[in-house]
Amino acid sequence: MVESQVFQKMVDYASLDCDDTVLEIGAGLGFLTRFLSEKCKAVLAVEVDTRLAIILREQLKDAPNVRIIEGDVLKTSVPSFNKVVSIPPYHVSSRLLLWLFGTDFDRAVLIFQKEFANRLVASVGSEDYGWLTVLTDYHVEVEPLDHVPKWTFYPQPKIDSVIVRLEPKNPRPYSLRNKELFKQLLRSCFAKRNRKVKNAVQAYVKGFCNMSEEKSIRIVEALPFREKRVRQLAPEDFGVIADALIQ
């Protein structure tokens, strides 16, 4: 990111103050890191590239509230934080979101590629509606904010980006008896998004739950929404199905 005005927007959207500990994922050369360090109590700057981590330590040696953490944020132990302000590497967007859903944070302001951001807020039945939409809807409120043109980056990516604000839903919009089963069910069903629910779920039950075909048919025939197409189900409908499978 080479447009400093974007940094100010991200800070404003995150409502940073002197009590915040901010996680930055993919600190790079530290431009955003330094900006954050002037707005909050502490910055946890995570960088997987050893060469960049060396540069970060040199560039930010006069910023005592910045802690450089060298490693992959998905695999490295990270101290507690309450906010996330970051322009993470786009190729880890999905995995990063799943990781964030397992942490305790108050607010996250991130820049994602426009196509990815569209998936997070897609409407039921649309082409972008998928397992990530449903899982995101369960965990957080998503607010797409400013459009970020590709020319604000160097080197320039192929498509534009969007600043997105995430805030955890507490309580969650519906209860789940088994969150891991829910996640697996979503992935399996949306791999067959145009099929009827009964056919998509039967494939999941046979494959993941290791049931006989006869038993899986009996279970599926008792499920709610079984005659609907996967893409037609609202997010909470998948929660009903996941809990019904446990019963």
Protein backbone atom coordinates (compact mmCIF):
# COMPACT_ATOMS: atom_id res chain seq x y z
CA MET A 1 0.00 0.00 0.00
CA VAL A 2 1.54 3.30 -1.11
CA GLU A 3 -1.40 5.63 -0.42
CA SER A 4 -1.10 6.90 3.17
CA GLN A 5 -4.68 8.24 3.22
CA VAL A 6 -5.86 4.63 3.27
CA PHE A 7 -4.02 4.10 6.58
CA GLN A 8 -5.91 6.98 8.18
CA LYS A 9 -9.23 5.59 6.97
CA MET A 10 -8.45 2.19 8.46
CA VAL A 11 -7.51 3.73 11.81
CA ASP A 12 -10.70 5.80 11.84
CA TYR A 13 -12.88 2.78 11.00
CA ALA A 14 -11.22 0.77 13.77
CA SER A 15 -11.80 3.62 16.28
CA LEU A 16 -8.30 3.14 17.68
CA ASP A 17 -7.28 4.70 20.97
CA CYS A 18 -4.44 4.53 23.47
CA ASP A 19 -5.85 1.42 25.19
CA ASP A 20 -5.88 -0.79 22.09
CA THR A 21 -3.51 -3.62 21.25
CA VAL A 22 -3.62 -4.07 17.49
CA LEU A 23 -2.70 -7.11 15.42
CA GLU A 24 -1.26 -6.44 11.97
CA ILE A 25 -0.87 -9.44 9.69
CA GLY A 26 1.72 -9.19 6.94
CA ALA A 27 3.54 -6.06 8.14
CA GLY A 28 5.78 -5.92 5.05
CA LEU A 29 8.00 -2.83 5.11
CA GLY A 30 6.20 -1.36 8.09
CA PHE A 31 4.41 1.66 6.61
CA LEU A 32 1.07 0.80 8.21
CA THR A 33 2.86 -0.50 11.31
CA ARG A 34 4.43 2.87 12.09
CA PHE A 35 1.13 4.63 11.48
CA LEU A 36 -0.62 2.27 13.90
CA SER A 37 2.09 2.66 16.54
CA GLU A 38 1.27 6.35 16.82
CA LYS A 39 -2.44 5.65 17.44
CA CYS A 40 -2.59 2.82 19.98
CA LYS A 41 -0.97 1.23 23.02
CA ALA A 42 0.77 -1.63 21.22
CA VAL A 43 1.14 -3.20 17.78
CA LEU A 44 1.76 -6.90 17.17
CA ALA A 45 3.30 -6.89 13.70
CA VAL A 46 3.40 -10.40 12.22
CA GLU A 47 5.61 -11.06 9.19
CA VAL A 48 6.43 -14.46 7.73
CA ASP A 49 9.27 -13.31 5.46
CA THR A 50 12.59 -13.37 7.36
CA ARG A 51 14.13 -10.68 5.15
CA LEU A 52 11.22 -8.31 5.76
CA ALA A 53 11.28 -9.05 9.48
CA ILE A 54 14.92 -7.89 9.58
CA ILE A 55 13.97 -4.68 7.79
CA LEU A 56 11.02 -4.15 10.16
CA ARG A 57 13.23 -4.43 13.24
CA GLU A 58 15.61 -1.85 11.81
CA GLN A 59 12.93 0.53 10.57
CA LEU A 60 10.89 0.39 13.77
CA LYS A 61 13.64 0.24 16.41
CA ASP A 62 12.55 3.68 17.59
CA ALA A 63 8.94 2.49 18.15
CA PRO A 64 9.00 0.73 21.55
CA ASN A 65 5.31 -0.21 21.43
CA VAL A 66 5.80 -2.36 18.31
CA ARG A 67 6.52 -6.07 18.73
CA ILE A 68 7.77 -7.84 15.60
CA ILE A 69 6.61 -11.47 15.44
CA GLU A 70 8.36 -13.47 12.77
CA GLY A 71 6.30 -16.36 11.47
CA ASP A 72 3.03 -17.49 9.94
CA VAL A 73 0.15 -16.03 11.97
CA LEU A 74 -1.84 -19.22 11.34
CA LYS A 75 0.85 -21.30 13.03
CA THR A 76 2.63 -18.92 15.40
CA SER A 77 1.62 -18.14 18.96
CA VAL A 78 0.34 -14.56 19.08
CA PRO A 79 -0.21 -12.59 22.33
CA SER A 80 -3.70 -11.33 23.09
CA PHE A 81 -5.06 -8.38 21.12
CA ASN A 82 -8.39 -6.63 20.93
CA LYS A 83 -8.36 -5.16 17.42
CA VAL A 84 -7.03 -6.11 14.01
CA VAL A 85 -5.97 -3.55 11.40
CA SER A 86 -4.27 -5.14 8.45
CA ILE A 87 -3.75 -5.51 4.72
CA PRO A 88 -3.09 -9.25 4.78
CA PRO A 89 -1.69 -11.25 1.85
CA TYR A 90 -4.68 -11.96 -0.37
CA HIS A 91 -3.84 -15.65 -0.87
CA VAL A 92 -4.51 -16.38 2.82
CA SER A 93 -7.81 -14.48 3.07
CA SER A 94 -10.07 -17.51 3.65
CA ARG A 95 -7.74 -19.25 6.09
CA LEU A 96 -7.11 -15.99 7.93
CA LEU A 97 -10.83 -15.42 8.46
CA LEU A 98 -11.28 -18.93 9.84
CA TRP A 99 -8.37 -18.30 12.20
CA LEU A 100 -9.83 -14.98 13.33
CA PHE A 101 -13.18 -16.63 14.06
CA GLY A 102 -11.38 -18.70 16.66
CA THR A 103 -9.88 -15.67 18.44
CA ASP A 104 -11.30 -13.07 20.80
CA PHE A 105 -11.35 -9.61 19.21
CA ASP A 106 -13.57 -6.53 19.35
CA ARG A 107 -13.20 -5.22 15.82
CA ALA A 108 -11.20 -5.93 12.67
CA VAL A 109 -10.58 -3.58 9.76
CA LEU A 110 -9.06 -5.40 6.81
CA ILE A 111 -8.47 -4.84 3.11
CA PHE A 112 -9.60 -7.71 0.89
CA GLN A 113 -9.81 -8.11 -2.84
CA LYS A 114 -13.21 -6.96 -4.07
CA GLU A 115 -14.25 -10.42 -5.30
CA PHE A 116 -13.46 -11.94 -1.90
CA ALA A 117 -15.32 -9.20 -0.02
CA ASN A 118 -18.36 -9.84 -2.23
CA ARG A 119 -18.40 -13.45 -1.07
CA LEU A 120 -18.64 -12.38 2.57
CA VAL A 121 -21.86 -10.40 2.06
CA ALA A 122 -23.44 -12.34 -0.82
CA SER A 123 -27.21 -12.73 -0.85
CA VAL A 124 -28.86 -16.15 -0.71
CA GLY A 125 -28.97 -17.77 -4.14
CA SER A 126 -26.42 -15.48 -5.76
CA GLU A 127 -23.34 -16.74 -7.56
CA ASP A 128 -21.06 -15.51 -4.75
CA TYR A 129 -23.15 -17.15 -2.00
CA GLY A 130 -21.21 -20.06 -0.51
CA TRP A 131 -19.91 -21.82 2.57
CA LEU A 132 -17.73 -18.84 3.52
CA THR A 133 -20.75 -16.51 3.38
CA VAL A 134 -22.69 -18.71 5.79
CA LEU A 135 -19.78 -19.26 8.19
CA THR A 136 -18.97 -15.54 8.21
CA ASP A 137 -22.61 -14.66 8.85
CA TYR A 138 -22.58 -16.93 11.91
CA HIS A 139 -19.51 -15.30 13.46
CA VAL A 140 -19.43 -11.60 12.53
CA GLU A 141 -21.22 -8.55 11.21
CA VAL A 142 -19.58 -7.55 7.93
CA GLU A 143 -19.57 -3.97 6.71
CA PRO A 144 -17.92 -3.20 3.36
CA LEU A 145 -16.66 0.37 3.56
CA ASP A 146 -14.40 2.13 1.06
CA HIS A 147 -13.40 1.07 -2.40
CA VAL A 148 -9.60 0.80 -2.72
CA PRO A 149 -8.35 1.24 -6.33
CA LYS A 150 -5.60 -1.07 -7.50
CA TRP A 151 -3.31 1.87 -8.26
CA THR A 152 -2.92 2.50 -4.50
CA PHE A 153 -0.69 -0.62 -4.38
CA TYR A 154 2.80 -1.24 -5.69
CA PRO A 155 3.18 -3.53 -7.48
CA GLN A 156 -0.34 -3.08 -8.76
CA PRO A 157 -2.74 -6.06 -8.43
CA LYS A 158 -5.13 -7.03 -11.19
CA ILE A 159 -8.34 -6.05 -9.41
CA ASP A 160 -9.55 -3.43 -6.92
CA SER A 161 -9.98 -3.99 -3.20
CA VAL A 162 -12.35 -3.02 -0.41
CA ILE A 163 -11.91 -1.95 3.22
CA VAL A 164 -14.08 -4.27 5.34
CA ARG A 165 -15.00 -3.94 9.00
CA LEU A 166 -15.83 -7.06 11.04
CA GLU A 167 -17.46 -7.08 14.47
CA PRO A 168 -18.17 -10.32 16.35
CA LYS A 169 -21.80 -11.30 16.89
CA ASN A 170 -22.42 -11.80 20.60
CA PRO A 171 -24.51 -13.77 21.06
CA ARG A 172 -24.36 -15.81 17.87
CA PRO A 173 -27.50 -15.64 15.69
CA TYR A 174 -28.34 -19.31 16.36
CA SER A 175 -26.97 -22.14 18.47
CA LEU A 176 -24.95 -25.06 17.14
CA ARG A 177 -24.42 -28.38 18.87
CA ASN A 178 -21.24 -29.13 16.93
CA LYS A 179 -19.43 -26.27 15.18
CA GLU A 180 -16.91 -28.53 13.43
CA LEU A 181 -19.69 -30.65 11.93
CA PHE A 182 -21.40 -27.44 10.82
CA LYS A 183 -18.25 -26.27 9.04
CA GLN A 184 -17.73 -29.64 7.33
CA LEU A 185 -21.39 -29.77 6.29
CA LEU A 186 -21.17 -26.33 4.67
CA ARG A 187 -18.11 -27.21 2.62
CA SER A 188 -19.61 -30.49 1.50
CA CYS A 189 -23.02 -29.04 0.59
CA PHE A 190 -21.70 -26.05 -1.35
CA ALA A 191 -19.50 -28.37 -3.40
CA LYS A 192 -22.90 -29.47 -4.77
CA ARG A 193 -24.66 -26.10 -4.50
CA ASN A 194 -27.16 -26.78 -7.31
CA ARG A 195 -28.32 -30.13 -5.96
CA LYS A 196 -31.24 -30.71 -3.65
CA VAL A 197 -30.33 -30.69 0.01
CA LYS A 198 -31.18 -34.37 0.45
CA ASN A 199 -28.67 -35.39 -2.23
CA ALA A 200 -25.92 -33.06 -1.05
CA VAL A 201 -26.31 -34.05 2.60
CA GLN A 202 -26.44 -37.75 1.83
CA ALA A 203 -23.02 -37.49 0.19
CA TYR A 204 -21.72 -35.77 3.34
CA VAL A 205 -23.28 -38.32 5.69
CA LYS A 206 -21.83 -41.26 3.75
CA GLY A 207 -18.40 -39.73 3.33
CA PHE A 208 -17.73 -37.93 6.62
CA CYS A 209 -19.89 -39.94 8.99
CA ASN A 210 -19.07 -43.33 7.45
CA MET A 211 -22.66 -44.58 7.33
CA SER A 212 -24.22 -47.20 5.13
CA GLU A 213 -26.30 -46.00 2.19
CA GLU A 214 -29.48 -47.40 3.72
CA LYS A 215 -28.97 -45.58 7.00
CA SER A 216 -27.91 -42.33 5.32
CA ILE A 217 -31.07 -42.34 3.16
CA ARG A 218 -33.23 -42.85 6.24
CA ILE A 219 -31.58 -39.92 8.03
CA VAL A 220 -31.72 -37.60 5.02
CA GLU A 221 -35.40 -38.31 4.36
CA ALA A 222 -36.21 -36.96 7.83
CA LEU A 223 -34.29 -33.69 7.38
CA PRO A 224 -35.94 -30.27 7.06
CA PHE A 225 -35.46 -28.38 3.75
CA ARG A 226 -34.52 -31.64 2.00
CA GLU A 227 -36.32 -30.72 -1.26
CA LYS A 228 -34.71 -27.28 -1.55
CA ARG A 229 -31.54 -26.54 -3.50
CA VAL A 230 -28.44 -25.92 -1.40
CA ARG A 231 -28.00 -22.41 -2.82
CA GLN A 232 -31.58 -21.51 -1.72
CA LEU A 233 -31.03 -22.09 2.00
CA ALA A 234 -30.62 -19.17 4.40
CA PRO A 235 -27.57 -19.34 6.71
CA GLU A 236 -29.64 -20.35 9.74
CA ASP A 237 -31.19 -23.23 7.77
CA PHE A 238 -27.80 -24.94 7.64
CA GLY A 239 -27.65 -24.69 11.43
CA VAL A 240 -31.01 -26.48 11.68
CA ILE A 241 -29.77 -29.25 9.37
CA ALA A 242 -26.46 -29.65 11.26
CA ASP A 243 -28.28 -30.02 14.59
CA ALA A 244 -30.79 -32.44 13.04
CA LEU A 245 -27.93 -34.67 11.90
CA ILE A 246 -26.63 -34.89 15.46
CA GLN A 247 -30.07 -35.90 16.70
